[in-house]
Amino acid sequence: MIFKSLWRNDLTDWKKLPALKVMIGAVMISFSGVYVKLAHVTPTVAGFYRVFLGGVILMLIMIWKRERLWKGFPCFALGILCGFIFALDLLFWHKSIHYIGPGLATILANFQVFLLALFGVTVLGEKMNLRLILAIPLAMIGLFMIVGIRWDHMGESYRLGILLGLATAICYCGYVLTLRKLQSMNDPLSPMANLMIITFATSVFLGIGVWQEGASFMLPDAQTIVVLFSYGLFSQVIGWILISTGLPGIRASLAGLLLLLQPALAFVWDMLFFNKETTSVSIAGAILTIAAIYMGTARRTDKGKDRKPPSHKSAVNATVKS
């Protein structure tokens, strides 16, 4: 009955189809880790081309829409800070993907929802509800089911991949909080204009990282060109445009559920495309962890009326690692 109600109220709104937008966007960005794995370049180079190509596409959209791109130095500086944090996020996440695969790396990155929730409780004074109290230990149990509990028996690269995945969650939490501050400023730029500035800033920082590594910006083959172009187009631009335009039109509980398609499908793609070795215990752990992440993002609502989008001041929101 619940899913029938959700379908009737959200997925069949033929005028705007907001839930369908979010669903398609989540599916698109679920391939992000696959693109990184298939590209024959270093993790830093892959991140650079994702944001550089995405930035070019966003710039063309901004030129076509003739939107304003400057509203003072504070707004611009905060956008640059967002770009720096997002550059660290992509760097850690891409390296994690190469060590432990896109599925687990994406699930670990989505632990940012717990960090955001804890920020809301400790800094913003939000109430610690029962869902969050249960979600955090359930997520840890699920993680142990995926990776095992014998840390000393894991390979060095595997352990490093897990740590990088958790570092990604920390960086993405910082990015989301900084972005919300940027969007809540007096007379802010449009979300798409801010995204363009952040994207280009990220490409500059990652470009510096490529130079420091001594890596080449040259793309070695046609597969890499196609993969990275798709990464920039679908993960950095189209996927997030669909999600950002669809979220305001659906209830928060459904938004959180649809966005979890991204880590869930990333785990599936890891098994299908890269023959990731899994057991029934690890699959159950992945399901438990994703369910716990949903519990961490879900909001208590008044009589189920949660269609109003979350406030910028709230740390608990429907966010997903892309």
Protein backbone atom coordinates (compact mmCIF):
# COMPACT_ATOMS: atom_id res chain seq x y z
CA MET A 1 0.00 0.00 0.00
CA ILE A 2 2.86 2.39 0.83
CA PHE A 3 4.58 1.91 -2.53
CA LYS A 4 1.25 2.11 -4.34
CA SER A 5 0.59 5.45 -2.64
CA LEU A 6 4.07 6.76 -3.46
CA TRP A 7 3.64 5.75 -7.09
CA ARG A 8 0.21 7.38 -7.36
CA ASN A 9 1.28 10.63 -5.68
CA ASP A 10 4.79 11.13 -7.04
CA LEU A 11 5.72 8.91 -9.97
CA THR A 12 2.62 9.57 -12.06
CA ASP A 13 2.60 13.36 -11.89
CA TRP A 14 2.73 13.61 -15.67
CA LYS A 15 3.02 17.40 -15.66
CA LYS A 16 6.48 17.48 -14.09
CA LEU A 17 7.45 13.89 -13.23
CA PRO A 18 9.76 15.05 -10.42
CA ALA A 19 10.30 11.58 -8.97
CA LEU A 20 11.16 10.19 -12.39
CA LYS A 21 13.76 12.95 -12.79
CA VAL A 22 15.38 12.02 -9.48
CA MET A 23 15.27 8.33 -10.33
CA ILE A 24 16.92 8.79 -13.74
CA GLY A 25 19.49 11.15 -12.25
CA ALA A 26 20.38 8.65 -9.52
CA VAL A 27 20.77 5.87 -12.08
CA MET A 28 23.03 8.10 -14.19
CA ILE A 29 25.38 8.98 -11.36
CA SER A 30 25.46 5.36 -10.18
CA PHE A 31 27.82 4.72 -13.11
CA SER A 32 30.37 7.26 -11.82
CA GLY A 33 32.60 4.62 -10.26
CA VAL A 34 32.37 2.49 -13.40
CA TYR A 35 33.65 5.39 -15.52
CA VAL A 36 36.60 5.89 -13.16
CA LYS A 37 37.47 2.19 -13.26
CA LEU A 38 37.23 1.96 -17.06
CA ALA A 39 39.34 5.05 -17.81
CA HIS A 40 43.00 4.23 -18.50
CA VAL A 41 44.29 7.23 -16.53
CA THR A 42 45.19 7.96 -12.91
CA PRO A 43 42.40 8.72 -10.41
CA THR A 44 43.42 12.39 -10.33
CA VAL A 45 43.33 12.75 -14.12
CA ALA A 46 39.88 11.11 -14.21
CA GLY A 47 38.63 13.59 -11.64
CA PHE A 48 40.11 16.52 -13.56
CA TYR A 49 38.37 15.61 -16.80
CA ARG A 50 35.06 14.95 -15.05
CA VAL A 51 34.89 18.47 -13.65
CA PHE A 52 36.63 20.24 -16.54
CA LEU A 53 34.33 18.79 -19.20
CA GLY A 54 31.34 19.27 -16.90
CA GLY A 55 32.37 22.88 -16.32
CA VAL A 56 32.59 23.58 -20.05
CA ILE A 57 29.09 22.18 -20.57
CA LEU A 58 27.75 24.23 -17.65
CA MET A 59 29.44 27.37 -19.00
CA LEU A 60 27.72 26.89 -22.37
CA ILE A 61 24.39 26.53 -20.57
CA MET A 62 25.10 29.71 -18.57
CA ILE A 63 25.96 31.64 -21.75
CA TRP A 64 22.76 30.42 -23.39
CA LYS A 65 20.66 31.38 -20.34
CA ARG A 66 22.60 34.66 -19.87
CA GLU A 67 22.75 34.18 -16.13
CA ARG A 68 24.75 36.42 -13.86
CA LEU A 69 28.03 34.89 -12.63
CA TRP A 70 29.29 37.53 -10.18
CA LYS A 71 27.66 38.82 -7.00
CA GLY A 72 30.65 39.89 -4.96
CA PHE A 73 33.90 38.43 -3.67
CA PRO A 74 32.47 36.61 -0.58
CA CYS A 75 30.18 34.52 -2.78
CA PHE A 76 33.01 33.81 -5.22
CA ALA A 77 35.48 32.91 -2.44
CA LEU A 78 33.03 30.49 -0.85
CA GLY A 79 32.55 28.85 -4.25
CA ILE A 80 36.33 28.42 -4.54
CA LEU A 81 36.41 26.84 -1.07
CA CYS A 82 33.67 24.43 -2.17
CA GLY A 83 35.79 23.56 -5.19
CA PHE A 84 38.83 22.83 -3.03
CA ILE A 85 36.89 20.53 -0.70
CA PHE A 86 35.22 18.77 -3.63
CA ALA A 87 38.64 18.26 -5.26
CA LEU A 88 39.82 16.44 -2.13
CA ASP A 89 36.58 14.45 -2.13
CA LEU A 90 37.04 13.29 -5.72
CA LEU A 91 40.73 12.56 -5.21
CA PHE A 92 40.09 10.31 -2.19
CA TRP A 93 37.05 8.66 -3.78
CA HIS A 94 38.73 7.86 -7.09
CA LYS A 95 41.74 6.33 -5.33
CA SER A 96 39.38 4.33 -3.13
CA ILE A 97 37.59 3.01 -6.23
CA HIS A 98 40.87 1.67 -7.61
CA TYR A 99 41.69 -0.08 -4.32
CA ILE A 100 38.34 -1.59 -3.27
CA GLY A 101 36.03 -1.18 -6.27
CA PRO A 102 33.23 1.30 -7.08
CA GLY A 103 30.57 -0.50 -5.03
CA LEU A 104 32.16 -0.43 -1.58
CA ALA A 105 33.87 2.92 -2.24
CA THR A 106 30.49 4.51 -3.00
CA ILE A 107 28.79 2.96 0.03
CA LEU A 108 31.58 4.22 2.31
CA ALA A 109 31.37 7.70 0.79
CA ASN A 110 27.67 7.81 1.62
CA PHE A 111 28.49 7.55 5.31
CA GLN A 112 28.52 11.34 5.01
CA VAL A 113 24.82 11.27 5.91
CA PHE A 114 25.74 10.27 9.46
CA LEU A 115 28.35 13.02 9.71
CA LEU A 116 25.78 15.56 8.50
CA ALA A 117 23.27 14.26 11.02
CA LEU A 118 25.80 14.44 13.85
CA PHE A 119 26.69 17.99 12.79
CA GLY A 120 23.02 18.88 13.00
CA VAL A 121 22.74 17.43 16.50
CA THR A 122 25.99 18.83 17.95
CA VAL A 123 26.20 22.21 16.19
CA LEU A 124 22.70 23.15 15.05
CA GLY A 125 20.91 21.75 18.07
CA GLU A 126 18.73 19.31 16.15
CA LYS A 127 17.18 16.44 18.09
CA MET A 128 18.75 12.99 17.95
CA ASN A 129 15.81 10.83 16.88
CA LEU A 130 15.45 7.08 17.29
CA ARG A 131 16.07 6.40 13.60
CA LEU A 132 19.50 7.99 13.73
CA ILE A 133 20.37 6.22 17.00
CA LEU A 134 19.59 2.88 15.35
CA ALA A 135 21.02 3.73 11.93
CA ILE A 136 24.63 4.35 12.98
CA PRO A 137 25.30 0.95 14.65
CA LEU A 138 23.36 -0.84 11.90
CA ALA A 139 25.56 0.81 9.28
CA MET A 140 28.70 -0.28 11.13
CA ILE A 141 27.41 -3.85 11.43
CA GLY A 142 26.64 -3.85 7.71
CA LEU A 143 30.11 -2.53 6.93
CA PHE A 144 31.74 -5.28 8.99
CA MET A 145 29.62 -7.83 7.11
CA ILE A 146 30.98 -6.47 3.82
CA VAL A 147 34.67 -6.12 4.65
CA GLY A 148 35.07 -8.55 7.58
CA ILE A 149 36.21 -7.86 11.11
CA ARG A 150 39.84 -9.04 10.89
CA TRP A 151 41.53 -5.76 9.95
CA ASP A 152 45.01 -7.31 10.25
CA HIS A 153 44.13 -9.99 7.67
CA MET A 154 43.22 -7.45 4.97
CA GLY A 155 45.75 -6.41 2.36
CA GLU A 156 47.45 -3.05 2.74
CA SER A 157 45.82 -1.59 -0.39
CA TYR A 158 42.39 -2.82 0.73
CA ARG A 159 42.78 -1.18 4.14
CA LEU A 160 43.95 2.02 2.47
CA GLY A 161 40.91 1.93 0.17
CA ILE A 162 38.56 1.70 3.15
CA LEU A 163 40.27 4.62 4.89
CA LEU A 164 40.12 6.68 1.69
CA GLY A 165 36.41 5.87 1.34
CA LEU A 166 35.76 7.17 4.86
CA ALA A 167 37.93 10.23 4.15
CA THR A 168 35.68 10.83 1.13
CA ALA A 169 32.66 10.86 3.44
CA ILE A 170 34.32 13.49 5.66
CA CYS A 171 35.19 15.69 2.67
CA TYR A 172 31.74 15.36 1.13
CA CYS A 173 30.15 16.33 4.44
CA GLY A 174 32.30 19.47 4.47
CA TYR A 175 31.40 20.16 0.84
CA VAL A 176 27.66 19.87 1.47
CA LEU A 177 27.80 22.15 4.51
CA THR A 178 29.87 24.75 2.64
CA LEU A 179 27.55 24.56 -0.37
CA ARG A 180 24.51 25.13 1.84
CA LYS A 181 26.19 28.18 3.32
CA LEU A 182 26.85 29.44 -0.20
CA GLN A 183 23.26 28.88 -1.31
CA SER A 184 21.84 30.54 1.82
CA MET A 185 23.80 33.80 1.42
CA ASN A 186 21.90 37.02 0.80
CA ASP A 187 21.19 37.37 -2.92
CA PRO A 188 23.08 34.23 -4.00
CA LEU A 189 23.84 33.13 -7.53
CA SER A 190 21.60 30.50 -9.08
CA PRO A 191 22.42 26.90 -8.09
CA MET A 192 23.64 26.17 -11.62
CA ALA A 193 25.90 29.24 -11.67
CA ASN A 194 27.38 28.22 -8.32
CA LEU A 195 27.87 24.70 -9.64
CA MET A 196 29.77 26.04 -12.64
CA ILE A 197 32.12 28.10 -10.44
CA ILE A 198 32.67 25.16 -8.09
CA THR A 199 33.27 22.81 -11.01
CA PHE A 200 35.93 25.00 -12.61
CA ALA A 201 37.58 25.63 -9.22
CA THR A 202 37.69 21.88 -8.64
CA SER A 203 39.29 21.34 -12.04
CA VAL A 204 42.03 23.87 -11.20
CA PHE A 205 42.89 22.14 -7.91
CA LEU A 206 42.83 18.69 -9.51
CA GLY A 207 44.92 20.01 -12.40
CA ILE A 208 47.53 21.12 -9.87
CA GLY A 209 47.34 17.62 -8.38
CA VAL A 210 47.97 16.03 -11.78
CA TRP A 211 50.99 18.30 -12.29
CA GLN A 212 52.39 17.47 -8.84
CA GLU A 213 52.01 13.75 -9.50
CA GLY A 214 53.91 14.09 -12.75
CA ALA A 215 51.02 12.45 -14.61
CA SER A 216 50.04 13.27 -18.18
CA PHE A 217 46.88 15.04 -19.27
CA MET A 218 46.97 13.07 -22.53
CA LEU A 219 44.16 10.57 -22.96
CA PRO A 220 45.67 7.28 -24.17
CA ASP A 221 42.84 5.75 -26.20
CA ALA A 222 39.32 6.13 -27.58
CA GLN A 223 37.77 4.20 -24.70
CA THR A 224 39.16 6.66 -22.17
CA ILE A 225 37.95 9.64 -24.20
CA VAL A 226 34.40 8.26 -24.46
CA VAL A 227 34.32 7.17 -20.81
CA LEU A 228 35.54 10.50 -19.40
CA PHE A 229 33.27 12.53 -21.67
CA SER A 230 30.33 10.43 -20.46
CA TYR A 231 31.52 10.88 -16.87
CA GLY A 232 31.52 14.67 -17.20
CA LEU A 233 28.26 14.84 -19.15
CA PHE A 234 26.09 12.42 -17.19
CA SER A 235 27.58 12.46 -13.67
CA GLN A 236 28.62 16.10 -13.36
CA VAL A 237 25.87 17.78 -15.40
CA ILE A 238 22.76 15.92 -16.58
CA GLY A 239 22.40 13.61 -13.58
CA TRP A 240 22.59 16.42 -11.05
CA ILE A 241 20.39 18.77 -13.07
CA LEU A 242 17.69 16.09 -13.07
CA ILE A 243 18.10 15.49 -9.34
CA SER A 244 18.23 19.16 -8.33
CA THR A 245 15.15 20.05 -10.40
CA GLY A 246 13.21 16.98 -9.27
CA LEU A 247 13.88 17.08 -5.51
CA PRO A 248 11.70 20.14 -4.69
CA GLY A 249 8.66 18.42 -6.19
CA ILE A 250 8.66 15.21 -4.14
CA ARG A 251 8.40 14.28 -0.50
CA ALA A 252 11.66 14.03 1.44
CA SER A 253 11.16 10.37 2.37
CA LEU A 254 10.78 9.34 -1.27
CA ALA A 255 13.72 11.53 -2.26
CA GLY A 256 15.99 9.74 0.20
CA LEU A 257 14.80 6.36 -1.06
CA LEU A 258 15.31 7.21 -4.73
CA LEU A 259 18.77 8.69 -4.14
CA LEU A 260 19.87 5.42 -2.55
CA LEU A 261 19.57 3.85 -5.99
CA GLN A 262 23.03 5.34 -6.57
CA PRO A 263 25.07 3.40 -3.97
CA ALA A 264 22.87 0.31 -4.40
CA LEU A 265 23.37 0.21 -8.17
CA ALA A 266 27.07 1.05 -7.81
CA PHE A 267 27.42 -2.17 -5.79
CA VAL A 268 25.49 -4.09 -8.47
CA TRP A 269 27.63 -2.65 -11.30
CA ASP A 270 30.75 -3.66 -9.37
CA MET A 271 29.55 -7.28 -9.33
CA LEU A 272 28.35 -7.30 -12.94
CA PHE A 273 31.15 -5.42 -14.71
CA PHE A 274 34.20 -6.18 -12.57
CA ASN A 275 33.35 -9.64 -11.20
CA LYS A 276 33.61 -8.48 -7.61
CA GLU A 277 33.79 -11.49 -5.31
CA THR A 278 30.80 -11.44 -3.01
CA THR A 279 29.17 -13.75 -0.51
CA SER A 280 25.65 -13.88 0.82
CA VAL A 281 26.97 -12.23 4.00
CA SER A 282 28.59 -9.32 2.14
CA ILE A 283 25.47 -8.78 0.01
CA ALA A 284 23.32 -8.79 3.15
CA GLY A 285 25.79 -6.34 4.69
CA ALA A 286 25.46 -4.01 1.70
CA ILE A 287 21.66 -4.12 1.94
CA LEU A 288 21.80 -3.46 5.70
CA THR A 289 24.23 -0.56 5.27
CA ILE A 290 22.16 1.07 2.53
CA ALA A 291 19.01 0.66 4.64
CA ALA A 292 20.83 2.28 7.57
CA ILE A 293 21.89 5.18 5.34
CA TYR A 294 18.24 5.66 4.38
CA MET A 295 17.27 5.66 8.05
CA GLY A 296 19.91 8.31 8.64
CA THR A 297 18.49 10.57 5.94
CA ALA A 298 14.77 10.03 6.59
CA ARG A 299 12.97 12.77 8.49
CA ARG A 300 10.26 12.43 11.06
CA THR A 301 7.22 14.10 9.59
CA ASP A 302 3.93 15.39 10.78
CA LYS A 303 1.24 12.92 9.67
CA GLY A 304 3.30 12.02 6.62
CA LYS A 305 3.21 15.53 5.17
CA ASP A 306 6.84 15.93 4.17
CA ARG A 307 6.59 17.34 0.69
CA LYS A 308 8.19 20.63 1.72
CA PRO A 309 11.89 20.63 0.80
CA PRO A 310 14.38 20.61 3.70
CA SER A 311 15.64 23.91 5.06
CA HIS A 312 19.13 25.14 4.23
CA LYS A 313 19.75 25.34 7.98
CA SER A 314 19.19 21.65 8.47
CA ALA A 315 22.20 19.36 8.35
CA VAL A 316 20.07 16.32 7.62
CA ASN A 317 19.06 16.38 4.00
CA ALA A 318 18.64 14.12 1.01
CA THR A 319 22.21 14.12 -0.26
CA VAL A 320 24.11 11.44 -2.10
CA LYS A 321 27.70 10.96 -3.12
CA SER A 322 28.14 11.15 -6.87
